[in-house]
């Protein structure tokens, strides 16, 4: 019996978990064009803070079926400890 490779599993448009259909969700780094979406959710970030998240690659957007559904932002404490500062999922 052939098994699926990791790449094949990622490419599936949906999967079933406990007999419930779960649509494909992806997470990617924040980009300049995501600014309106992020600013509508996180009221504590200004333009400079958003640009810093993009530049330092510490912000991520969660997508489901090519629609943004959430975001998260992390920082690094004491130069070695990742800390999730903000997470929001619609």
N, C-alpha and C. Protein backbone atom coordinates (compact mmCIF):
# COMPACT_ATOMS: atom_id res chain seq x y z
N UNK A 1 0.84 -1.18 0.00
CA UNK A 1 0.00 0.00 0.00
C UNK A 1 0.88 1.24 0.00
N UNK A 2 0.63 2.17 -0.91
CA UNK A 2 1.41 3.40 -1.00
C UNK A 2 0.94 4.40 0.04
N UNK A 3 1.89 5.09 0.64
CA UNK A 3 1.51 6.14 1.60
C UNK A 3 1.71 7.51 0.94
N UNK A 4 1.00 8.51 1.43
CA UNK A 4 1.11 9.85 0.89
C UNK A 4 2.33 10.55 1.46
N UNK A 5 2.99 11.33 0.63
CA UNK A 5 4.12 12.10 1.13
C UNK A 5 3.59 13.36 1.82
N UNK A 6 4.46 14.07 2.49
CA UNK A 6 4.06 15.28 3.18
C UNK A 6 3.50 16.29 2.19
N UNK A 7 4.14 16.44 1.01
CA UNK A 7 3.67 17.38 0.01
C UNK A 7 2.25 17.05 -0.44
N UNK A 8 1.95 15.77 -0.62
CA UNK A 8 0.61 15.38 -1.05
C UNK A 8 -0.42 15.69 0.03
N UNK A 9 -0.07 15.51 1.29
CA UNK A 9 -0.99 15.82 2.38
C UNK A 9 -1.29 17.32 2.43
N UNK A 10 -0.31 18.15 2.21
CA UNK A 10 -0.50 19.59 2.24
C UNK A 10 -1.41 20.04 1.11
N UNK A 11 -1.36 19.39 -0.02
CA UNK A 11 -2.12 19.81 -1.18
C UNK A 11 -3.59 19.41 -1.11
N UNK A 12 -4.00 18.61 -0.15
CA UNK A 12 -5.40 18.22 -0.05
C UNK A 12 -6.27 19.45 0.24
N UNK A 13 -7.39 19.62 -0.47
CA UNK A 13 -8.23 20.79 -0.21
C UNK A 13 -8.99 20.71 1.11
N UNK A 14 -9.18 19.52 1.65
CA UNK A 14 -9.86 19.34 2.92
C UNK A 14 -9.53 17.96 3.46
N UNK A 15 -9.77 17.77 4.74
CA UNK A 15 -9.56 16.48 5.39
C UNK A 15 -10.72 16.22 6.34
N UNK A 16 -10.83 14.99 6.78
CA UNK A 16 -11.84 14.65 7.79
C UNK A 16 -11.15 14.33 9.11
N UNK A 17 -11.62 14.97 10.17
CA UNK A 17 -11.13 14.69 11.52
C UNK A 17 -12.35 14.36 12.36
N UNK A 18 -12.37 13.17 12.93
CA UNK A 18 -13.53 12.70 13.72
C UNK A 18 -14.84 12.85 12.94
N UNK A 19 -14.82 12.43 11.68
CA UNK A 19 -15.98 12.47 10.79
C UNK A 19 -16.49 13.87 10.50
N UNK A 20 -15.70 14.91 10.75
CA UNK A 20 -16.08 16.28 10.43
C UNK A 20 -15.14 16.81 9.35
N UNK A 21 -15.72 17.45 8.33
CA UNK A 21 -14.90 18.00 7.25
C UNK A 21 -14.23 19.28 7.71
N UNK A 22 -12.91 19.35 7.52
CA UNK A 22 -12.13 20.53 7.86
C UNK A 22 -11.54 21.07 6.57
N UNK A 23 -11.84 22.32 6.25
CA UNK A 23 -11.32 22.92 5.03
C UNK A 23 -9.83 23.21 5.16
N UNK A 24 -9.19 23.38 4.02
CA UNK A 24 -7.76 23.65 3.97
C UNK A 24 -7.46 24.98 4.63
N UNK A 25 -6.56 24.98 5.60
CA UNK A 25 -6.14 26.21 6.25
C UNK A 25 -4.64 26.35 6.06
N UNK A 26 -4.20 27.54 5.70
CA UNK A 26 -2.78 27.81 5.54
C UNK A 26 -2.39 28.99 6.41
N UNK A 27 -1.13 29.06 6.75
CA UNK A 27 -0.58 30.16 7.53
C UNK A 27 0.61 30.70 6.75
N UNK A 28 0.63 32.01 6.55
CA UNK A 28 1.76 32.61 5.84
C UNK A 28 2.15 33.91 6.50
N UNK A 29 3.36 34.36 6.21
CA UNK A 29 3.87 35.59 6.79
C UNK A 29 3.02 36.79 6.37
N UNK A 30 2.93 37.77 7.25
CA UNK A 30 2.25 39.03 6.91
C UNK A 30 3.02 39.72 5.79
N UNK A 31 2.27 40.34 4.91
CA UNK A 31 2.86 41.12 3.84
C UNK A 31 2.24 42.51 3.85
N UNK A 32 2.83 43.43 3.11
CA UNK A 32 2.34 44.81 3.07
C UNK A 32 0.85 44.88 2.72
N UNK A 33 0.41 44.03 1.77
CA UNK A 33 -0.99 44.10 1.32
C UNK A 33 -1.98 43.56 2.36
N UNK A 34 -1.53 42.97 3.45
CA UNK A 34 -2.41 42.47 4.51
C UNK A 34 -2.73 43.53 5.56
N UNK A 35 -2.21 44.72 5.39
CA UNK A 35 -2.29 45.76 6.42
C UNK A 35 -3.73 46.08 6.84
N UNK A 36 -4.64 46.26 5.89
CA UNK A 36 -6.02 46.61 6.25
C UNK A 36 -6.67 45.52 7.09
N UNK A 37 -6.43 44.26 6.74
CA UNK A 37 -7.00 43.15 7.50
C UNK A 37 -6.45 43.14 8.93
N UNK A 38 -5.14 43.27 9.07
CA UNK A 38 -4.50 43.24 10.39
C UNK A 38 -4.95 44.42 11.24
N UNK A 39 -4.97 45.61 10.65
CA UNK A 39 -5.35 46.80 11.40
C UNK A 39 -6.82 46.76 11.82
N UNK A 40 -7.67 46.04 11.08
CA UNK A 40 -9.07 45.92 11.48
C UNK A 40 -9.24 45.02 12.69
N UNK A 41 -8.29 44.14 12.93
CA UNK A 41 -8.35 43.21 14.06
C UNK A 41 -7.58 43.73 15.27
N UNK A 42 -6.32 44.11 15.04
CA UNK A 42 -5.43 44.53 16.14
C UNK A 42 -5.43 46.05 16.24
N UNK A 43 -6.17 46.57 17.18
CA UNK A 43 -6.30 48.02 17.36
C UNK A 43 -5.11 48.63 18.09
N UNK A 44 -4.18 47.79 18.58
CA UNK A 44 -3.04 48.30 19.35
C UNK A 44 -1.80 48.52 18.51
N UNK A 45 -1.85 48.21 17.23
CA UNK A 45 -0.67 48.37 16.39
C UNK A 45 -0.84 49.60 15.50
N UNK A 46 0.24 50.36 15.36
CA UNK A 46 0.22 51.51 14.46
C UNK A 46 0.99 51.17 13.18
N UNK A 47 1.13 52.13 12.29
CA UNK A 47 1.80 51.88 11.01
C UNK A 47 3.24 51.40 11.21
N UNK A 48 3.95 52.02 12.13
CA UNK A 48 5.34 51.63 12.39
C UNK A 48 5.42 50.22 12.95
N UNK A 49 4.53 49.89 13.87
CA UNK A 49 4.49 48.55 14.45
C UNK A 49 4.17 47.49 13.41
N UNK A 50 3.24 47.81 12.52
CA UNK A 50 2.90 46.85 11.45
C UNK A 50 4.10 46.64 10.53
N UNK A 51 4.73 47.73 10.12
CA UNK A 51 5.90 47.61 9.25
C UNK A 51 7.01 46.79 9.90
N UNK A 52 7.16 46.93 11.23
CA UNK A 52 8.17 46.16 11.96
C UNK A 52 7.83 44.66 11.93
N UNK A 53 6.54 44.31 12.06
CA UNK A 53 6.13 42.90 12.00
C UNK A 53 6.44 42.30 10.63
N UNK A 54 6.19 43.07 9.59
CA UNK A 54 6.48 42.59 8.23
C UNK A 54 7.99 42.43 8.05
N UNK A 55 8.75 43.44 8.45
CA UNK A 55 10.21 43.42 8.27
C UNK A 55 10.87 42.30 9.08
N UNK A 56 10.45 42.11 10.33
CA UNK A 56 11.07 41.09 11.19
C UNK A 56 10.46 39.71 11.02
N UNK A 57 9.40 39.61 10.20
CA UNK A 57 8.73 38.33 9.92
C UNK A 57 8.21 37.67 11.20
N UNK A 58 7.58 38.48 12.05
CA UNK A 58 7.03 37.96 13.30
C UNK A 58 5.50 37.95 13.29
N UNK A 59 4.89 38.26 12.16
CA UNK A 59 3.44 38.24 12.06
C UNK A 59 2.99 37.25 11.00
N UNK A 60 1.89 36.58 11.25
CA UNK A 60 1.35 35.58 10.33
C UNK A 60 -0.15 35.79 10.13
N UNK A 61 -0.62 35.48 8.93
CA UNK A 61 -2.04 35.52 8.61
C UNK A 61 -2.51 34.09 8.39
N UNK A 62 -3.66 33.74 8.98
CA UNK A 62 -4.26 32.42 8.77
C UNK A 62 -5.32 32.54 7.68
N UNK A 63 -5.29 31.64 6.72
CA UNK A 63 -6.20 31.65 5.58
C UNK A 63 -6.98 30.35 5.52
N UNK A 64 -8.26 30.45 5.19
CA UNK A 64 -9.08 29.27 4.94
C UNK A 64 -9.78 29.49 3.61
N UNK A 65 -9.51 28.60 2.66
CA UNK A 65 -10.09 28.71 1.31
C UNK A 65 -9.78 30.08 0.70
N UNK A 66 -8.54 30.56 0.84
CA UNK A 66 -8.06 31.83 0.29
C UNK A 66 -8.76 33.05 0.88
N UNK A 67 -9.33 32.93 2.07
CA UNK A 67 -9.96 34.04 2.78
C UNK A 67 -9.22 34.20 4.11
N UNK A 68 -8.77 35.42 4.45
CA UNK A 68 -8.09 35.59 5.74
C UNK A 68 -9.07 35.40 6.90
N UNK A 69 -8.70 34.53 7.83
CA UNK A 69 -9.60 34.22 8.95
C UNK A 69 -8.96 34.48 10.31
N UNK A 70 -7.71 34.88 10.33
CA UNK A 70 -7.07 35.13 11.62
C UNK A 70 -5.65 35.62 11.45
N UNK A 71 -5.06 35.96 12.56
CA UNK A 71 -3.67 36.43 12.56
C UNK A 71 -3.01 36.10 13.89
N UNK A 72 -1.69 36.11 13.87
CA UNK A 72 -0.93 35.94 15.10
C UNK A 72 0.38 36.71 14.98
N UNK A 73 0.91 37.07 16.12
CA UNK A 73 2.16 37.82 16.18
C UNK A 73 2.97 37.30 17.37
N UNK A 74 4.26 37.14 17.17
CA UNK A 74 5.11 36.67 18.27
C UNK A 74 6.31 37.59 18.44
N UNK A 75 6.95 37.47 19.57
CA UNK A 75 8.22 38.14 19.83
C UNK A 75 9.17 37.13 20.48
N UNK A 76 10.41 37.52 20.62
CA UNK A 76 11.40 36.65 21.23
C UNK A 76 11.87 37.30 22.53
N UNK A 77 11.63 36.61 23.64
CA UNK A 77 12.03 37.12 24.95
C UNK A 77 13.43 36.62 25.30
N UNK A 78 14.20 37.47 25.92
CA UNK A 78 15.55 37.12 26.38
C UNK A 78 16.39 36.51 25.26
N UNK A 79 16.17 36.94 24.05
CA UNK A 79 16.95 36.53 22.87
C UNK A 79 16.85 35.06 22.50
N UNK A 80 15.99 34.28 23.15
CA UNK A 80 15.91 32.86 22.78
C UNK A 80 14.57 32.19 23.06
N UNK A 81 13.59 32.91 23.62
CA UNK A 81 12.33 32.30 24.00
C UNK A 81 11.18 32.89 23.18
N UNK A 82 10.65 32.14 22.19
CA UNK A 82 9.52 32.68 21.42
C UNK A 82 8.28 32.80 22.30
N UNK A 83 7.56 33.91 22.14
CA UNK A 83 6.38 34.20 22.94
C UNK A 83 5.27 34.69 22.02
N UNK A 84 4.11 34.03 22.05
CA UNK A 84 2.98 34.42 21.22
C UNK A 84 2.27 35.60 21.87
N UNK A 85 2.43 36.79 21.28
CA UNK A 85 1.86 38.02 21.83
C UNK A 85 0.37 38.14 21.52
N UNK A 86 -0.04 37.71 20.35
CA UNK A 86 -1.40 37.99 19.90
C UNK A 86 -1.85 36.87 18.96
N UNK A 87 -3.05 36.36 19.20
CA UNK A 87 -3.65 35.40 18.27
C UNK A 87 -5.14 35.69 18.20
N UNK A 88 -5.66 35.68 16.98
CA UNK A 88 -7.07 35.94 16.76
C UNK A 88 -7.53 35.07 15.62
N UNK A 89 -8.61 34.31 15.82
CA UNK A 89 -9.19 33.48 14.78
C UNK A 89 -10.69 33.78 14.76
N UNK A 90 -11.20 34.10 13.58
CA UNK A 90 -12.63 34.41 13.44
C UNK A 90 -13.46 33.16 13.58
